[in-house]
Every structure is written in C-alpha cells, then in structure tokens.
Amino acid sequence: FPVTILLGDSLARQKNTRFTFGLLPGVLGEVYKNDKIVSVVREILGNDLALYFNRLMIKDPDAPDSVTPHQDMPYFHGSVNKVTVFVFLSGNHKDDGGMVFVPNSTRFGLLPRGNLNLANLPKIPYISPDLGPRDVVFSDFFTWHWSWPQKNKIDRPIIQLAYQESSDGSWEDKFMSGPVLVSGQWKTNNFVSAKEAERIVTGK
C-alpha cells in the first residue's frame, strides 16, 4: 500500500510527521464498518456504537523516529470509555518502526498529557507483536503504547479507528465531517466536535 497512493487529494500531512488530517478516501474510509472489527467492539461496548475518529498514521523515511511512550485519552475529549483499533496495512515489525503495547496499563487510569517515563518502571512488561498486512490490534484509550525507530526505510501506514458508546456524542472533526453511527441507535441528541470542545475550554 504505497502511501503516495493512499493519501489522495482528501488528506493533508502535517509537515514531516506521522499525522494526516482529513477524510480517508475510498475503501480506506469504509474500514470502520468491517463486520469482524465491529463484532469485537460490540462485545466490549455493546450494540449501540458510534465512531469517534477514523484516521491514517504514517511512519516512513520522512518520519522515521520512534514515538515515545504515551496514552491517547488525554489528547481527546468525550467519555473515557473508548476502544481503539489499529489496522496495520503493511504489517507491524520492529525494524519497520513497529508499535509496542503495555498490557494492563489501563490500571494506572488517566494520566496527564506528555511522554511517559518508563525508566522508573524498569520491569514493566510490553509486547511488540509481529503482524502481517491487515492484521489488527484492539486496545483502549488508556493503554500505554509507543513505536520503535524505523531502520527499514519503508512506508508503514496504519489506520487507527476509535469507537465509543452511542450515548457519547463527541467526535473528532480533524478526521470526520460529522458524527457517525456504526451500530444500533443513537442514545444522545448532544453532539460536540473536538473543535467545539476546545472553544468551550479556551473561549477562542
């Protein structure tokens, strides 16, 4: 999956970083509907599901550095009861800049924004699964994770999906044009985008 093809005209990359903003084109924008993925998320969150975001992340020769250990939840809004799904379009391997996860790190709860200093936890267990194209990993927004520096100069695109209960009307407008119901029924009439939430907090 060459990244130059995946990006198309609907996505914009933030300089030489792993982030892209905008709507995923074509079949990439439909991955969140995949029956196998949705069925697993239903087992976790129930039948009434909404999409919080749908985005593409990239590691390639323009952004080969490691991603430091962190937790996703402090950087987003809405309820904390979110499930994230990483869809590895080219697989997950250490020398390609693969991702790493810390099992059971949710027990530490919500932490402040910023990089996690794992030097204070030298025996902390982690897993860096060796995965093939289109393999997936399910976690939640409290799970600590990071990625290795890239030694093999390849394109390593990942689709990251975030789901939540449909009683939560939050959604991330950097990657979506509006709230998206995935399964069941909406359980709220209140919808707040990330941009609107930021205005509420900052007044800007």
Protein backbone atom coordinates (compact mmCIF):
# COMPACT_ATOMS: atom_id res chain seq x y z
CA PHE A 1 0.00 0.00 0.00
CA PRO A 2 2.22 2.91 -1.13
CA VAL A 3 1.42 5.94 1.00
CA THR A 4 1.55 8.25 -2.02
CA ILE A 5 -1.45 6.37 -3.39
CA LEU A 6 -3.30 6.13 -0.11
CA LEU A 7 -3.22 9.83 0.67
CA GLY A 8 -5.09 11.02 -2.42
CA ASP A 9 -6.44 14.57 -2.52
CA SER A 10 -8.63 14.43 0.59
CA LEU A 11 -5.82 14.10 3.15
CA ALA A 12 -3.17 16.58 4.24
CA ARG A 13 0.01 15.60 6.06
CA GLN A 14 1.27 17.70 8.96
CA LYS A 15 4.77 18.52 7.70
CA ASN A 16 7.17 15.59 8.15
CA THR A 17 5.20 13.91 10.92
CA ARG A 18 3.18 10.71 11.26
CA PHE A 19 -0.11 12.64 11.27
CA THR A 20 -2.59 13.14 8.44
CA PHE A 21 -5.82 15.13 8.63
CA GLY A 22 -8.93 14.80 6.54
CA LEU A 23 -11.35 12.14 5.32
CA LEU A 24 -9.90 8.78 4.34
CA PRO A 25 -10.53 8.15 0.63
CA GLY A 26 -12.31 5.22 -1.00
CA VAL A 27 -12.28 1.83 0.68
CA LEU A 28 -9.93 3.11 3.41
CA GLY A 29 -12.76 5.32 4.65
CA GLU A 30 -15.02 2.26 4.95
CA VAL A 31 -12.76 0.04 7.07
CA TYR A 32 -14.55 1.11 10.27
CA LYS A 33 -17.64 -0.75 9.01
CA ASN A 34 -15.84 -4.08 8.75
CA ASP A 35 -18.10 -6.75 10.26
CA LYS A 36 -15.31 -8.62 12.05
CA ILE A 37 -13.95 -5.47 13.64
CA VAL A 38 -17.36 -4.16 14.67
CA SER A 39 -18.38 -7.50 16.15
CA VAL A 40 -15.38 -7.47 18.50
CA VAL A 41 -16.07 -3.88 19.56
CA ARG A 42 -19.72 -4.80 20.23
CA GLU A 43 -18.52 -7.46 22.65
CA ILE A 44 -16.68 -4.74 24.57
CA LEU A 45 -19.01 -1.73 24.37
CA GLY A 46 -22.41 -3.15 23.44
CA ASN A 47 -24.53 -2.91 20.31
CA ASP A 48 -25.07 0.87 20.22
CA LEU A 49 -21.80 2.15 18.79
CA ALA A 50 -20.51 5.42 17.35
CA LEU A 51 -17.24 6.30 15.66
CA TYR A 52 -15.05 8.84 17.44
CA PHE A 53 -12.39 9.10 14.74
CA ASN A 54 -11.10 7.39 11.62
CA ARG A 55 -7.55 8.36 10.70
CA LEU A 56 -4.37 7.33 8.92
CA MET A 57 -0.98 7.46 10.64
CA ILE A 58 2.30 7.10 8.76
CA LYS A 59 5.87 6.15 9.54
CA ASP A 60 8.22 6.41 6.57
CA PRO A 61 11.63 7.92 5.66
CA ASP A 62 10.13 11.40 6.21
CA ALA A 63 9.13 10.50 9.80
CA PRO A 64 11.36 7.58 10.89
CA ASP A 65 11.85 8.46 14.57
CA SER A 66 10.44 6.49 17.47
CA VAL A 67 7.19 7.60 19.08
CA THR A 68 7.70 7.97 22.82
CA PRO A 69 5.51 6.09 25.34
CA HIS A 70 2.16 7.79 25.82
CA GLN A 71 -1.54 7.38 26.48
CA ASP A 72 -4.11 8.61 23.93
CA MET A 73 -7.01 9.69 26.14
CA PRO A 74 -5.55 12.98 27.46
CA TYR A 75 -5.36 14.32 23.89
CA PHE A 76 -9.04 13.83 23.06
CA HIS A 77 -12.48 14.59 24.52
CA GLY A 78 -15.75 12.92 25.36
CA SER A 79 -16.15 9.83 27.52
CA VAL A 80 -13.14 7.74 28.54
CA ASN A 81 -14.91 4.54 27.52
CA LYS A 82 -13.36 4.25 24.06
CA VAL A 83 -11.93 1.31 22.12
CA THR A 84 -9.18 1.89 19.59
CA VAL A 85 -8.36 -0.43 16.70
CA PHE A 86 -5.04 -0.31 14.84
CA VAL A 87 -5.25 -1.78 11.32
CA PHE A 88 -1.72 -2.46 10.08
CA LEU A 89 -1.84 -2.01 6.31
CA SER A 90 1.76 -3.15 5.82
CA GLY A 91 2.19 -5.22 8.98
CA ASN A 92 3.94 -4.50 12.27
CA HIS A 93 7.64 -5.31 12.61
CA LYS A 94 10.25 -3.81 14.94
CA ASP A 95 12.75 -2.71 12.28
CA ASP A 96 9.96 -1.12 10.22
CA GLY A 97 9.15 1.13 13.20
CA GLY A 98 6.55 -1.18 14.69
CA MET A 99 4.24 -0.40 17.57
CA VAL A 100 4.62 -1.56 21.17
CA PHE A 101 1.86 -2.01 23.79
CA VAL A 102 1.89 -2.34 27.59
CA PRO A 103 -0.70 -4.92 28.71
CA ASN A 104 -2.84 -3.97 31.73
CA SER A 105 -1.51 -0.39 31.74
CA THR A 106 -5.13 0.76 31.98
CA ARG A 107 -4.90 0.10 35.72
CA PHE A 108 -2.95 3.35 36.08
CA GLY A 109 -6.02 5.28 34.90
CA LEU A 110 -6.00 8.66 33.21
CA LEU A 111 -2.59 10.36 33.15
CA PRO A 112 -1.57 13.91 32.14
CA ARG A 113 -0.51 14.73 28.61
CA GLY A 114 3.11 14.12 27.76
CA ASN A 115 5.61 11.32 27.38
CA LEU A 116 5.68 8.54 29.98
CA ASN A 117 8.99 7.97 31.74
CA LEU A 118 9.30 4.20 31.77
CA ALA A 119 12.80 4.39 33.28
CA ASN A 120 11.08 4.48 36.66
CA LEU A 121 9.37 1.18 35.81
CA PRO A 122 12.28 -0.94 34.53
CA LYS A 123 10.43 -4.28 34.77
CA ILE A 124 7.27 -3.19 33.02
CA PRO A 125 6.16 -5.86 30.51
CA TYR A 126 5.46 -4.92 26.92
CA ILE A 127 4.57 -6.65 23.68
CA SER A 128 5.60 -5.72 20.14
CA PRO A 129 3.59 -8.15 18.02
CA ASP A 130 4.98 -9.31 14.70
CA LEU A 131 1.99 -8.87 12.40
CA GLY A 132 1.15 -9.15 8.73
CA PRO A 133 -0.72 -6.78 6.43
CA ARG A 134 -4.29 -6.07 7.54
CA ASP A 135 -3.79 -7.62 10.99
CA VAL A 136 -5.40 -5.62 13.80
CA VAL A 137 -4.84 -4.80 17.48
CA PHE A 138 -7.66 -3.79 19.84
CA SER A 139 -6.97 -1.70 22.94
CA ASP A 140 -8.50 1.20 24.81
CA PHE A 141 -7.55 4.83 25.17
CA PHE A 142 -5.76 4.20 28.49
CA THR A 143 -3.32 1.64 27.07
CA TRP A 144 0.29 2.82 27.02
CA HIS A 145 1.99 2.40 23.66
CA TRP A 146 4.89 3.64 21.57
CA SER A 147 6.82 2.70 18.43
CA TRP A 148 10.40 1.74 17.59
CA PRO A 149 12.62 3.92 15.39
CA GLN A 150 12.48 2.86 11.76
CA LYS A 151 15.55 1.04 10.41
CA ASN A 152 13.99 -0.28 7.20
CA LYS A 153 13.11 2.74 5.08
CA ILE A 154 9.61 1.75 4.01
CA ASP A 155 6.10 3.20 4.15
CA ARG A 156 4.33 1.91 7.26
CA PRO A 157 0.71 3.18 7.19
CA ILE A 158 -1.77 2.35 9.95
CA ILE A 159 -5.48 3.08 10.08
CA GLN A 160 -6.49 3.94 13.64
CA LEU A 161 -10.19 3.66 14.45
CA ALA A 162 -11.78 4.81 17.70
CA TYR A 163 -15.22 3.62 18.80
CA GLN A 164 -17.43 4.60 21.73
CA GLU A 165 -20.94 4.02 23.02
CA SER A 166 -23.55 5.94 21.03
CA SER A 167 -24.61 7.72 24.24
CA ASP A 168 -21.44 9.78 23.73
CA GLY A 169 -21.92 12.49 21.09
CA SER A 170 -18.27 13.57 20.93
CA TRP A 171 -16.36 13.28 17.64
CA GLU A 172 -13.00 14.38 16.25
CA ASP A 173 -13.51 16.78 13.34
CA LYS A 174 -9.90 16.62 12.13
CA PHE A 175 -10.78 13.27 10.58
CA MET A 176 -14.57 13.22 10.14
CA SER A 177 -17.22 15.54 8.70
CA GLY A 178 -19.80 14.71 11.37
CA PRO A 179 -20.95 12.16 13.96
CA VAL A 180 -21.14 8.60 12.63
CA LEU A 181 -23.42 5.86 13.98
CA VAL A 182 -21.81 2.44 13.48
CA SER A 183 -24.32 0.07 15.09
CA GLY A 184 -27.68 0.17 16.86
CA GLN A 185 -29.25 3.54 17.68
CA TRP A 186 -28.12 6.96 18.84
CA LYS A 187 -28.58 7.29 22.60
CA THR A 188 -27.93 11.05 22.70
CA ASN A 189 -29.06 14.23 20.98
CA ASN A 190 -25.98 16.19 22.09
CA PHE A 191 -23.06 16.22 19.66
CA VAL A 192 -19.82 18.11 20.33
CA SER A 193 -16.84 18.16 18.00
CA ALA A 194 -13.28 18.45 19.27
CA LYS A 195 -13.10 21.98 17.89
CA GLU A 196 -16.27 22.99 19.72
CA ALA A 197 -14.99 21.43 22.94
CA GLU A 198 -11.76 23.41 22.64
CA ARG A 199 -13.73 26.66 22.21
CA ILE A 200 -15.71 25.86 25.36
CA VAL A 201 -12.48 25.42 27.32
CA THR A 202 -10.42 28.26 25.84
CA GLY A 203 -13.16 30.69 24.80
CA LYS A 204 -11.49 31.04 21.36
